[in-house]
Amino acid sequence: MQFVYDSHAGITGVTRPQDTYAWCSEVVISSSWNRDVAETMGKLIGEDCLAQGDLNFAGWYAPAMNIHRTAFSGRNFEYYSEDGYLSGQFGLATVAGARSKGVITFVKHFALNDQETNRSGMSTFANEQAIREVYLKAFEASISDGEQGTLGIMLSMNRIGLKWSGNHEGLTTSVVRGEWGFDGMVVTDQASYPQAFPALAIRGGLEGGTDLWLNTGADNWQIEDYQNNPTVMTQLRTAAHHILYAVANSFAMNGIASDAHVVQVLPLWQIWLIALDGVCAAAALAAVTVIVRKTKWKADPQTLR
């Protein structure tokens, strides 16, 4: 998956201008109070993606489902409503429609995104009850539904308290994966401009649960000597697993033949490790057998009284 369409109201031809399509924005869709309309929109956007005839375009950076906290919030036109439950139901319907066509949706901007001015690294403060009942409620339905839910999440740029959302293990790992059972990929928001470099820290993001950085591969995002760091290598392996899971469940796999099947191949080192475990287990069992046979069990006279 090389390119992903980015627009809350359809697909935009960032790489191919002739491919731009626009549907109603989320605030208009939710005003219908009709979830079928939202699901139909998701299906039609999925058809638009399929119509490109390119398996690289299997992703859509949408729908957006933050809360209309005030009438002056920077992205109200992208978000559904001021109510967490209403936003969650329409978000799930849109995601389900797009996923039925094999599209990887990236619900955004997770979480508590509210303003555009200085949004890189700003701190947002709220108590846990408000976060769970209002701000996360909008995302929960589409993230926790394994069958119809989203395969991707796009993070916000703000900090929640003093931690960036992607470096917030309690949010991005404990809640998203631990409580909601999410198996897909987590990507940052746009990270290819200077203001984002200090805010969306790559080591902190890997520790918190971020899988992918939305950037141009600039040198600012290089990890020094990561091959010799087992912690980073484990985090990268986990991130790769999440990315592959999302891609494997999308129409990016449509080019695979109907009779194809996945074959698990064990690396040589793992085969030797299994063999060594078997030898050690056999040796331990033999040693126990010898000890038992050579031991003379005698009754303690004190126990016979």
C-alpha atoms as a PDB file:
ATOM      1  CA  MET A   1       0.000   0.000   0.000  1.00  0.00           C
ATOM      2  CA  GLN A   2       1.984   2.954  -1.273  1.00  0.00           C
ATOM      3  CA  PHE A   3      -0.585   5.762  -1.213  1.00  0.00           C
ATOM      4  CA  VAL A   4      -3.586   6.557   0.983  1.00  0.00           C
ATOM      5  CA  TYR A   5      -6.399   8.925   0.091  1.00  0.00           C
ATOM      6  CA  ASP A   6      -6.903  11.782   2.546  1.00  0.00           C
ATOM      7  CA  SER A   7     -10.241  13.537   2.876  1.00  0.00           C
ATOM      8  CA  HIS A   8     -13.106  13.350   5.336  1.00  0.00           C
ATOM      9  CA  ALA A   9     -15.560  13.714   2.435  1.00  0.00           C
ATOM     10  CA  GLY A  10     -14.236  11.183  -0.033  1.00  0.00           C
ATOM     11  CA  ILE A  11     -10.958  10.645  -1.829  1.00  0.00           C
ATOM     12  CA  THR A  12      -8.602  13.355  -3.011  1.00  0.00           C
ATOM     13  CA  GLY A  13      -6.140  12.989  -5.835  1.00  0.00           C
ATOM     14  CA  VAL A  14      -3.053  14.117  -3.993  1.00  0.00           C
ATOM     15  CA  THR A  15      -0.924  12.112  -6.388  1.00  0.00           C
ATOM     16  CA  ARG A  16      -3.401  12.111  -9.293  1.00  0.00           C
ATOM     17  CA  PRO A  17      -5.614  15.247  -9.358  1.00  0.00           C
ATOM     18  CA  GLN A  18      -8.079  13.645 -11.744  1.00  0.00           C
ATOM     19  CA  ASP A  19      -9.049  11.156  -9.031  1.00  0.00           C
ATOM     20  CA  THR A  20     -10.707  13.656  -6.684  1.00  0.00           C
ATOM     21  CA  TYR A  21     -14.239  12.805  -5.524  1.00  0.00           C
ATOM     22  CA  ALA A  22     -16.262  14.633  -2.891  1.00  0.00           C
ATOM     23  CA  TRP A  23     -19.252  13.513  -0.839  1.00  0.00           C
ATOM     24  CA  CYS A  24     -21.016  15.239   2.047  1.00  0.00           C
ATOM     25  CA  SER A  25     -18.958  16.112   5.094  1.00  0.00           C
ATOM     26  CA  GLU A  26     -19.503  14.255   8.362  1.00  0.00           C
ATOM     27  CA  VAL A  27     -21.480  17.042  10.023  1.00  0.00           C
ATOM     28  CA  VAL A  28     -24.017  16.940   7.186  1.00  0.00           C
ATOM     29  CA  ILE A  29     -24.232  13.132   7.240  1.00  0.00           C
ATOM     30  CA  SER A  30     -24.854  12.984  10.991  1.00  0.00           C
ATOM     31  CA  SER A  31     -27.560  15.628  10.667  1.00  0.00           C
ATOM     32  CA  SER A  32     -29.608  13.049   8.776  1.00  0.00           C
ATOM     33  CA  TRP A  33     -29.844  10.838  11.906  1.00  0.00           C
ATOM     34  CA  ASN A  34     -29.746   7.933   9.447  1.00  0.00           C
ATOM     35  CA  ARG A  35     -26.931   5.412   9.890  1.00  0.00           C
ATOM     36  CA  ASP A  36     -27.810   3.720   6.606  1.00  0.00           C
ATOM     37  CA  VAL A  37     -26.852   6.915   4.803  1.00  0.00           C
ATOM     38  CA  ALA A  38     -23.452   6.895   6.508  1.00  0.00           C
ATOM     39  CA  GLU A  39     -22.880   3.238   5.652  1.00  0.00           C
ATOM     40  CA  THR A  40     -23.833   3.880   2.030  1.00  0.00           C
ATOM     41  CA  MET A  41     -21.337   6.735   1.893  1.00  0.00           C
ATOM     42  CA  GLY A  42     -18.640   4.406   3.198  1.00  0.00           C
ATOM     43  CA  LYS A  43     -19.483   1.784   0.564  1.00  0.00           C
ATOM     44  CA  LEU A  44     -19.431   4.335  -2.237  1.00  0.00           C
ATOM     45  CA  ILE A  45     -16.056   5.646  -1.122  1.00  0.00           C
ATOM     46  CA  GLY A  46     -14.870   2.049  -1.127  1.00  0.00           C
ATOM     47  CA  GLU A  47     -16.108   1.706  -4.691  1.00  0.00           C
ATOM     48  CA  ASP A  48     -14.256   4.908  -5.604  1.00  0.00           C
ATOM     49  CA  CYS A  49     -11.035   3.410  -4.219  1.00  0.00           C
ATOM     50  CA  LEU A  50     -11.569   0.151  -6.098  1.00  0.00           C
ATOM     51  CA  ALA A  51     -12.352   2.044  -9.297  1.00  0.00           C
ATOM     52  CA  GLN A  52      -8.793   3.373  -9.397  1.00  0.00           C
ATOM     53  CA  GLY A  53      -7.667  -0.116 -10.407  1.00  0.00           C
ATOM     54  CA  ASP A  54      -4.562   0.165  -8.258  1.00  0.00           C
ATOM     55  CA  LEU A  55      -4.034  -2.000  -5.181  1.00  0.00           C
ATOM     56  CA  ASN A  56      -1.749   0.700  -3.738  1.00  0.00           C
ATOM     57  CA  PHE A  57      -4.794   2.864  -2.976  1.00  0.00           C
ATOM     58  CA  ALA A  58      -6.398   0.625  -0.341  1.00  0.00           C
ATOM     59  CA  GLY A  59      -6.419   3.215   2.463  1.00  0.00           C
ATOM     60  CA  TRP A  60      -8.521   6.237   3.408  1.00  0.00           C
ATOM     61  CA  TYR A  61      -7.472   8.747   6.093  1.00  0.00           C
ATOM     62  CA  ALA A  62     -11.002   9.084   7.463  1.00  0.00           C
ATOM     63  CA  PRO A  63     -13.615   9.249   8.855  1.00  0.00           C
ATOM     64  CA  ALA A  64     -12.854  11.975  11.363  1.00  0.00           C
ATOM     65  CA  MET A  65     -14.786  11.753  14.619  1.00  0.00           C
ATOM     66  CA  ASN A  66     -13.588  14.154  17.263  1.00  0.00           C
ATOM     67  CA  ILE A  67     -16.092  16.137  19.291  1.00  0.00           C
ATOM     68  CA  HIS A  68     -17.526  19.569  18.469  1.00  0.00           C
ATOM     69  CA  ARG A  69     -16.388  20.960  21.816  1.00  0.00           C
ATOM     70  CA  THR A  70     -17.131  24.530  20.764  1.00  0.00           C
ATOM     71  CA  ALA A  71     -18.562  26.168  17.671  1.00  0.00           C
ATOM     72  CA  PHE A  72     -15.071  27.494  16.881  1.00  0.00           C
ATOM     73  CA  SER A  73     -13.131  24.212  16.868  1.00  0.00           C
ATOM     74  CA  GLY A  74     -10.693  23.970  13.980  1.00  0.00           C
ATOM     75  CA  ARG A  75     -12.075  20.837  12.321  1.00  0.00           C
ATOM     76  CA  ASN A  76     -15.819  20.907  13.047  1.00  0.00           C
ATOM     77  CA  PHE A  77     -16.552  20.455   9.349  1.00  0.00           C
ATOM     78  CA  GLU A  78     -14.737  17.096   9.490  1.00  0.00           C
ATOM     79  CA  TYR A  79     -16.339  15.776  12.668  1.00  0.00           C
ATOM     80  CA  TYR A  80     -19.840  14.401  13.217  1.00  0.00           C
ATOM     81  CA  SER A  81     -21.275  16.130  16.275  1.00  0.00           C
ATOM     82  CA  GLU A  82     -20.911  17.319  19.843  1.00  0.00           C
ATOM     83  CA  ASP A  83     -22.185  13.983  21.179  1.00  0.00           C
ATOM     84  CA  GLY A  84     -19.887  10.998  21.695  1.00  0.00           C
ATOM     85  CA  TYR A  85     -22.533   8.318  21.139  1.00  0.00           C
ATOM     86  CA  LEU A  86     -23.937   9.898  17.962  1.00  0.00           C
ATOM     87  CA  SER A  87     -20.434  10.394  16.565  1.00  0.00           C
ATOM     88  CA  GLY A  88     -19.517   6.817  17.409  1.00  0.00           C
ATOM     89  CA  GLN A  89     -22.556   5.293  15.695  1.00  0.00           C
ATOM     90  CA  PHE A  90     -22.112   7.281  12.492  1.00  0.00           C
ATOM     91  CA  GLY A  91     -18.375   6.642  12.520  1.00  0.00           C
ATOM     92  CA  LEU A  92     -18.916   2.895  12.830  1.00  0.00           C
ATOM     93  CA  ALA A  93     -21.497   2.896  10.027  1.00  0.00           C
ATOM     94  CA  THR A  94     -19.138   4.749   7.673  1.00  0.00           C
ATOM     95  CA  VAL A  95     -16.214   2.499   8.574  1.00  0.00           C
ATOM     96  CA  ALA A  96     -18.308  -0.656   8.137  1.00  0.00           C
ATOM     97  CA  GLY A  97     -19.367   0.458   4.669  1.00  0.00           C
ATOM     98  CA  ALA A  98     -15.813   1.191   3.558  1.00  0.00           C
ATOM     99  CA  ARG A  99     -14.419  -1.983   5.108  1.00  0.00           C
ATOM    100  CA  SER A 100     -17.033  -4.088   3.305  1.00  0.00           C
ATOM    101  CA  LYS A 101     -15.170  -3.034   0.141  1.00  0.00           C
ATOM    102  CA  GLY A 102     -11.764  -3.850   1.617  1.00  0.00           C
ATOM    103  CA  VAL A 103     -10.664  -0.310   2.499  1.00  0.00           C
ATOM    104  CA  ILE A 104      -8.362   0.405   5.440  1.00  0.00           C
ATOM    105  CA  THR A 105      -9.975   3.368   7.182  1.00  0.00           C
ATOM    106  CA  PHE A 106      -7.893   5.505   9.545  1.00  0.00           C
ATOM    107  CA  VAL A 107     -10.294   7.012  12.088  1.00  0.00           C
ATOM    108  CA  LYS A 108      -8.904  10.333  13.262  1.00  0.00           C
ATOM    109  CA  HIS A 109      -7.641  12.376  15.043  1.00  0.00           C
ATOM    110  CA  PHE A 110      -7.099  10.164  18.070  1.00  0.00           C
ATOM    111  CA  ALA A 111      -7.674  11.775  20.506  1.00  0.00           C
ATOM    112  CA  LEU A 112      -8.959  15.059  21.982  1.00  0.00           C
ATOM    113  CA  ASN A 113      -7.983  17.086  18.913  1.00  0.00           C
ATOM    114  CA  ASP A 114      -9.766  20.408  19.061  1.00  0.00           C
ATOM    115  CA  GLN A 115      -7.854  23.242  17.421  1.00  0.00           C
ATOM    116  CA  GLU A 116      -5.689  23.846  14.377  1.00  0.00           C
ATOM    117  CA  THR A 117      -3.622  26.772  15.621  1.00  0.00           C
ATOM    118  CA  ASN A 118      -0.390  25.487  17.164  1.00  0.00           C
ATOM    119  CA  ARG A 119      -1.786  21.965  17.243  1.00  0.00           C
ATOM    120  CA  SER A 120       1.668  20.362  17.114  1.00  0.00           C
ATOM    121  CA  GLY A 121       2.530  19.439  20.656  1.00  0.00           C
ATOM    122  CA  MET A 122      -0.083  21.539  22.467  1.00  0.00           C
ATOM    123  CA  SER A 123      -1.311  20.102  25.785  1.00  0.00           C
ATOM    124  CA  THR A 124      -4.953  19.148  26.288  1.00  0.00           C
ATOM    125  CA  PHE A 125      -6.153  18.526  29.836  1.00  0.00           C
ATOM    126  CA  ALA A 126      -9.230  16.527  30.837  1.00  0.00           C
ATOM    127  CA  ASN A 127     -10.084  14.019  33.543  1.00  0.00           C
ATOM    128  CA  GLU A 128     -10.434  10.312  32.750  1.00  0.00           C
ATOM    129  CA  GLN A 129     -14.216  10.273  33.141  1.00  0.00           C
ATOM    130  CA  ALA A 130     -14.713  13.033  30.572  1.00  0.00           C
ATOM    131  CA  ILE A 131     -12.194  11.435  28.218  1.00  0.00           C
ATOM    132  CA  ARG A 132     -13.913   8.042  28.350  1.00  0.00           C
ATOM    133  CA  GLU A 133     -17.536   9.217  28.342  1.00  0.00           C
ATOM    134  CA  VAL A 134     -17.251  11.936  25.709  1.00  0.00           C
ATOM    135  CA  TYR A 135     -14.040  12.067  23.689  1.00  0.00           C
ATOM    136  CA  LEU A 136     -13.153   8.359  23.420  1.00  0.00           C
ATOM    137  CA  LYS A 137     -16.809   7.346  23.113  1.00  0.00           C
ATOM    138  CA  ALA A 138     -16.787   8.676  19.558  1.00  0.00           C
ATOM    139  CA  PHE A 139     -13.956   6.281  18.608  1.00  0.00           C
ATOM    140  CA  GLU A 140     -14.763   3.223  20.705  1.00  0.00           C
ATOM    141  CA  ALA A 141     -17.457   1.675  18.499  1.00  0.00           C
ATOM    142  CA  SER A 142     -15.422   1.678  15.285  1.00  0.00           C
ATOM    143  CA  ILE A 143     -12.191   0.570  16.979  1.00  0.00           C
ATOM    144  CA  SER A 144     -13.572  -2.185  19.213  1.00  0.00           C
ATOM    145  CA  ASP A 145     -15.754  -3.873  16.573  1.00  0.00           C
ATOM    146  CA  GLY A 146     -13.438  -6.523  15.157  1.00  0.00           C
ATOM    147  CA  GLU A 147     -15.741  -7.610  12.301  1.00  0.00           C
ATOM    148  CA  GLN A 148     -16.886  -4.262  10.888  1.00  0.00           C
ATOM    149  CA  GLY A 149     -14.549  -1.875  12.652  1.00  0.00           C
ATOM    150  CA  THR A 150     -11.573   0.071  11.406  1.00  0.00           C
ATOM    151  CA  LEU A 151      -8.216  -1.434  10.488  1.00  0.00           C
ATOM    152  CA  GLY A 152      -6.362   1.825  11.098  1.00  0.00           C
ATOM    153  CA  ILE A 153      -6.160   4.769  13.485  1.00  0.00           C
ATOM    154  CA  MET A 154      -4.599   8.174  12.839  1.00  0.00           C
ATOM    155  CA  LEU A 155      -3.238   9.892  15.929  1.00  0.00           C
ATOM    156  CA  SER A 156      -3.605  13.525  16.901  1.00  0.00           C
ATOM    157  CA  MET A 157      -0.656  15.897  17.258  1.00  0.00           C
ATOM    158  CA  ASN A 158      -1.590  17.229  20.672  1.00  0.00           C
ATOM    159  CA  ARG A 159      -0.428  16.034  24.041  1.00  0.00           C
ATOM    160  CA  ILE A 160      -2.930  14.614  26.497  1.00  0.00           C
ATOM    161  CA  GLY A 161      -1.672  16.113  29.703  1.00  0.00           C
ATOM    162  CA  LEU A 162       2.068  16.200  29.102  1.00  0.00           C
ATOM    163  CA  LYS A 163       2.327  13.181  26.780  1.00  0.00           C
ATOM    164  CA  TRP A 164       1.801  13.130  23.019  1.00  0.00           C
ATOM    165  CA  SER A 165      -1.092  10.814  22.156  1.00  0.00           C
ATOM    166  CA  GLY A 166       1.216   8.429  20.275  1.00  0.00           C
ATOM    167  CA  ASN A 167       3.566   8.217  23.239  1.00  0.00           C
ATOM    168  CA  HIS A 168       0.703   7.725  25.720  1.00  0.00           C
ATOM    169  CA  GLU A 169       0.889   4.013  26.515  1.00  0.00           C
ATOM    170  CA  GLY A 170      -2.227   4.209  28.657  1.00  0.00           C
ATOM    171  CA  LEU A 171      -4.208   5.486  25.676  1.00  0.00           C
ATOM    172  CA  THR A 172      -2.625   3.967  22.576  1.00  0.00           C
ATOM    173  CA  THR A 173      -1.789   0.557  24.031  1.00  0.00           C
ATOM    174  CA  SER A 174      -3.728  -0.116  27.248  1.00  0.00           C
ATOM    175  CA  VAL A 175      -7.086   1.227  26.049  1.00  0.00           C
ATOM    176  CA  VAL A 176      -6.887   0.706  22.290  1.00  0.00           C
ATOM    177  CA  ARG A 177      -5.314  -2.746  22.260  1.00  0.00           C
ATOM    178  CA  GLY A 178      -5.849  -3.967  25.808  1.00  0.00           C
ATOM    179  CA  GLU A 179      -9.453  -2.897  26.427  1.00  0.00           C
ATOM    180  CA  TRP A 180     -10.798  -2.541  22.878  1.00  0.00           C
ATOM    181  CA  GLY A 181      -8.909  -5.452  21.315  1.00  0.00           C
ATOM    182  CA  PHE A 182      -7.625  -3.505  18.306  1.00  0.00           C
ATOM    183  CA  ASP A 183      -5.248  -5.441  16.013  1.00  0.00           C
ATOM    184  CA  GLY A 184      -4.726  -2.945  13.174  1.00  0.00           C
ATOM    185  CA  MET A 185      -2.156  -0.205  12.583  1.00  0.00           C
ATOM    186  CA  VAL A 186      -1.712   3.175  14.257  1.00  0.00           C
ATOM    187  CA  VAL A 187      -0.243   6.006  12.168  1.00  0.00           C
ATOM    188  CA  THR A 188       0.728   9.562  13.068  1.00  0.00           C
ATOM    189  CA  ASP A 189      -0.808  12.645  11.514  1.00  0.00           C
ATOM    190  CA  GLN A 190       1.264  14.563   8.965  1.00  0.00           C
ATOM    191  CA  ALA A 191       4.834  14.409  10.226  1.00  0.00           C
ATOM    192  CA  SER A 192       6.916  15.782   7.382  1.00  0.00           C
ATOM    193  CA  TYR A 193       7.266  19.408   8.402  1.00  0.00           C
ATOM    194  CA  PRO A 194       9.688  20.919  10.945  1.00  0.00           C
ATOM    195  CA  GLN A 195       7.126  21.713  13.665  1.00  0.00           C
ATOM    196  CA  ALA A 196       6.233  18.036  13.893  1.00  0.00           C
ATOM    197  CA  PHE A 197       9.781  16.747  14.418  1.00  0.00           C
ATOM    198  CA  PRO A 198      10.060  17.406  18.176  1.00  0.00           C
ATOM    199  CA  ALA A 199       6.392  16.678  18.856  1.00  0.00           C
ATOM    200  CA  LEU A 200       5.995  13.269  17.231  1.00  0.00           C
ATOM    201  CA  ALA A 201       9.083  11.623  18.671  1.00  0.00           C
ATOM    202  CA  ILE A 202       9.792   8.282  17.031  1.00  0.00           C
ATOM    203  CA  ARG A 203      11.316   6.469  20.029  1.00  0.00           C
ATOM    204  CA  GLY A 204       8.563   7.675  22.320  1.00  0.00           C
ATOM    205  CA  GLY A 205       5.947   6.729  19.758  1.00  0.00           C
ATOM    206  CA  LEU A 206       7.280   3.193  19.410  1.00  0.00           C
ATOM    207  CA  GLU A 207       7.212   2.816  23.188  1.00  0.00           C
ATOM    208  CA  GLY A 208       3.655   4.134  23.391  1.00  0.00           C
ATOM    209  CA  GLY A 209       2.212   1.985  20.604  1.00  0.00           C
ATOM    210  CA  THR A 210       2.619   3.961  17.356  1.00  0.00           C
ATOM    211  CA  ASP A 211       3.326   1.793  14.297  1.00  0.00           C
ATOM    212  CA  LEU A 212       3.886   4.170  11.371  1.00  0.00           C
ATOM    213  CA  TRP A 213       4.983   7.775  10.777  1.00  0.00           C
ATOM    214  CA  LEU A 214       3.241   9.762   8.045  1.00  0.00           C
ATOM    215  CA  ASN A 215       6.251  11.511   6.575  1.00  0.00           C
ATOM    216  CA  THR A 216       8.552  11.720   3.596  1.00  0.00           C
ATOM    217  CA  GLY A 217      11.337   9.605   5.069  1.00  0.00           C
ATOM    218  CA  ALA A 218      13.422  12.605   6.058  1.00  0.00           C
ATOM    219  CA  ASP A 219      16.661  12.117   7.994  1.00  0.00           C
ATOM    220  CA  ASN A 220      15.024  13.669  11.064  1.00  0.00           C
ATOM    221  CA  TRP A 221      13.259  10.365  11.690  1.00  0.00           C
ATOM    222  CA  GLN A 222      16.248   8.025  11.573  1.00  0.00           C
ATOM    223  CA  ILE A 223      16.947   5.823  14.620  1.00  0.00           C
ATOM    224  CA  GLU A 224      20.642   5.510  15.349  1.00  0.00           C
ATOM    225  CA  ASP A 225      22.060   1.988  15.714  1.00  0.00           C
ATOM    226  CA  TYR A 226      18.620   0.416  16.076  1.00  0.00           C
ATOM    227  CA  GLN A 227      19.854  -2.986  14.825  1.00  0.00           C
ATOM    228  CA  ASN A 228      21.808  -3.482  18.049  1.00  0.00           C
ATOM    229  CA  ASN A 229      18.984  -2.379  20.351  1.00  0.00           C
ATOM    230  CA  PRO A 230      16.760  -5.377  21.228  1.00  0.00           C
ATOM    231  CA  THR A 231      14.058  -3.138  22.691  1.00  0.00           C
ATOM    232  CA  VAL A 232      13.696  -1.092  19.523  1.00  0.00           C
ATOM    233  CA  MET A 233      13.885  -4.196  17.323  1.00  0.00           C
ATOM    234  CA  THR A 234      11.056  -5.806  19.310  1.00  0.00           C
ATOM    235  CA  GLN A 235       8.968  -2.637  19.006  1.00  0.00           C
ATOM    236  CA  LEU A 236       9.608  -2.486  15.250  1.00  0.00           C
ATOM    237  CA  ARG A 237       8.635  -6.145  14.887  1.00  0.00           C
ATOM    238  CA  THR A 238       5.370  -5.514  16.744  1.00  0.00           C
ATOM    239  CA  ALA A 239       4.647  -2.457  14.579  1.00  0.00           C
ATOM    240  CA  ALA A 240       5.305  -4.445  11.407  1.00  0.00           C
ATOM    241  CA  HIS A 241       2.892  -7.132  12.628  1.00  0.00           C
ATOM    242  CA  HIS A 242       0.124  -4.540  13.089  1.00  0.00           C
ATOM    243  CA  ILE A 243       0.731  -3.024   9.641  1.00  0.00           C
ATOM    244  CA  LEU A 244       0.732  -6.407   7.918  1.00  0.00           C
ATOM    245  CA  TYR A 245      -2.461  -7.428   9.715  1.00  0.00           C
ATOM    246  CA  ALA A 246      -4.290  -4.374   8.353  1.00  0.00           C
ATOM    247  CA  VAL A 247      -2.967  -4.840   4.816  1.00  0.00           C
ATOM    248  CA  ALA A 248      -3.749  -8.568   4.837  1.00  0.00           C
ATOM    249  CA  ASN A 249      -7.395  -7.785   5.616  1.00  0.00           C
ATOM    250  CA  SER A 250      -7.777  -5.141   2.894  1.00  0.00           C
ATOM    251  CA  PHE A 251      -8.341  -5.214  -0.858  1.00  0.00           C
ATOM    252  CA  ALA A 252      -4.585  -4.757  -1.236  1.00  0.00           C
ATOM    253  CA  MET A 253      -4.622  -8.558  -1.229  1.00  0.00           C
ATOM    254  CA  ASN A 254      -6.976  -8.787  -4.222  1.00  0.00           C
ATOM    255  CA  GLY A 255      -4.107  -9.707  -6.531  1.00  0.00           C
ATOM    256  CA  ILE A 256      -3.559 -12.956  -4.668  1.00  0.00           C
ATOM    257  CA  ALA A 257      -4.852 -16.018  -6.552  1.00  0.00           C
ATOM    258  CA  SER A 258      -7.969 -17.673  -5.130  1.00  0.00           C
ATOM    259  CA  ASP A 259      -6.093 -20.926  -4.524  1.00  0.00           C
ATOM    260  CA  ALA A 260      -3.136 -19.269  -2.799  1.00  0.00           C
ATOM    261  CA  HIS A 261      -2.395 -20.121   0.806  1.00  0.00           C
ATOM    262  CA  VAL A 262      -0.011 -18.779   3.419  1.00  0.00           C
ATOM    263  CA  VAL A 263       2.864 -21.060   4.374  1.00  0.00           C
ATOM    264  CA  GLN A 264       4.676 -20.530   7.654  1.00  0.00           C
ATOM    265  CA  VAL A 265       8.437 -20.931   7.233  1.00  0.00           C
ATOM    266  CA  LEU A 266      10.634 -21.433  10.280  1.00  0.00           C
ATOM    267  CA  PRO A 267      14.089 -19.829  10.111  1.00  0.00           C
ATOM    268  CA  LEU A 268      17.049 -22.169  10.613  1.00  0.00           C
ATOM    269  CA  TRP A 269      17.949 -20.726  14.023  1.00  0.00           C
ATOM    270  CA  GLN A 270      14.461 -21.433  15.300  1.00  0.00           C
ATOM    271  CA  ILE A 271      14.604 -25.040  14.060  1.00  0.00           C
ATOM    272  CA  TRP A 272      17.900 -25.550  15.914  1.00  0.00           C
ATOM    273  CA  LEU A 273      16.432 -23.932  19.027  1.00  0.00           C
ATOM    274  CA  ILE A 274      13.464 -26.326  18.984  1.00  0.00           C
ATOM    275  CA  ALA A 275      15.827 -29.279  18.500  1.00  0.00           C
ATOM    276  CA  LEU A 276      17.966 -28.098  21.422  1.00  0.00           C
ATOM    277  CA  ASP A 277      14.877 -27.773  23.619  1.00  0.00           C
ATOM    278  CA  GLY A 278      13.945 -31.369  22.707  1.00  0.00           C
ATOM    279  CA  VAL A 279      17.399 -32.684  23.570  1.00  0.00           C
ATOM    280  CA  CYS A 280      17.417 -30.847  26.905  1.00  0.00           C
ATOM    281  CA  ALA A 281      13.935 -32.149  27.749  1.00  0.00           C
ATOM    282  CA  ALA A 282      14.966 -35.750  26.914  1.00  0.00           C
ATOM    283  CA  ALA A 283      18.131 -35.433  28.998  1.00  0.00           C
ATOM    284  CA  ALA A 284      16.190 -34.074  31.963  1.00  0.00           C
ATOM    285  CA  LEU A 285      13.642 -36.889  31.732  1.00  0.00           C
ATOM    286  CA  ALA A 286      16.427 -39.491  31.574  1.00  0.00           C
ATOM    287  CA  ALA A 287      18.149 -37.976  34.595  1.00  0.00           C
ATOM    288  CA  VAL A 288      14.928 -38.031  36.641  1.00  0.00           C
ATOM    289  CA  THR A 289      14.340 -41.678  35.653  1.00  0.00           C
ATOM    290  CA  VAL A 290      17.847 -42.720  36.759  1.00  0.00           C
ATOM    291  CA  ILE A 291      17.530 -40.885  40.065  1.00  0.00           C
ATOM    292  CA  VAL A 292      14.159 -42.504  40.815  1.00  0.00           C
ATOM    293  CA  ARG A 293      15.397 -46.015  40.015  1.00  0.00           C
ATOM    294  CA  LYS A 294      18.520 -45.697  42.162  1.00  0.00           C
ATOM    295  CA  THR A 295      16.766 -44.221  45.134  1.00  0.00           C
ATOM    296  CA  LYS A 296      15.835 -46.763  47.897  1.00  0.00           C
ATOM    297  CA  TRP A 297      12.665 -45.702  49.567  1.00  0.00           C
ATOM    298  CA  LYS A 298      12.516 -46.732  53.252  1.00  0.00           C
ATOM    299  CA  ALA A 299       9.723 -46.168  55.675  1.00  0.00           C
ATOM    300  CA  ASP A 300      10.547 -43.921  58.598  1.00  0.00           C
ATOM    301  CA  PRO A 301       9.966 -45.964  61.808  1.00  0.00           C
ATOM    302  CA  GLN A 302       8.594 -42.844  63.446  1.00  0.00           C
ATOM    303  CA  THR A 303       5.754 -42.692  60.918  1.00  0.00           C
ATOM    304  CA  LEU A 304       4.675 -46.299  61.709  1.00  0.00           C
ATOM    305  CA  ARG A 305       3.885 -45.584  65.356  1.00  0.00           C
END
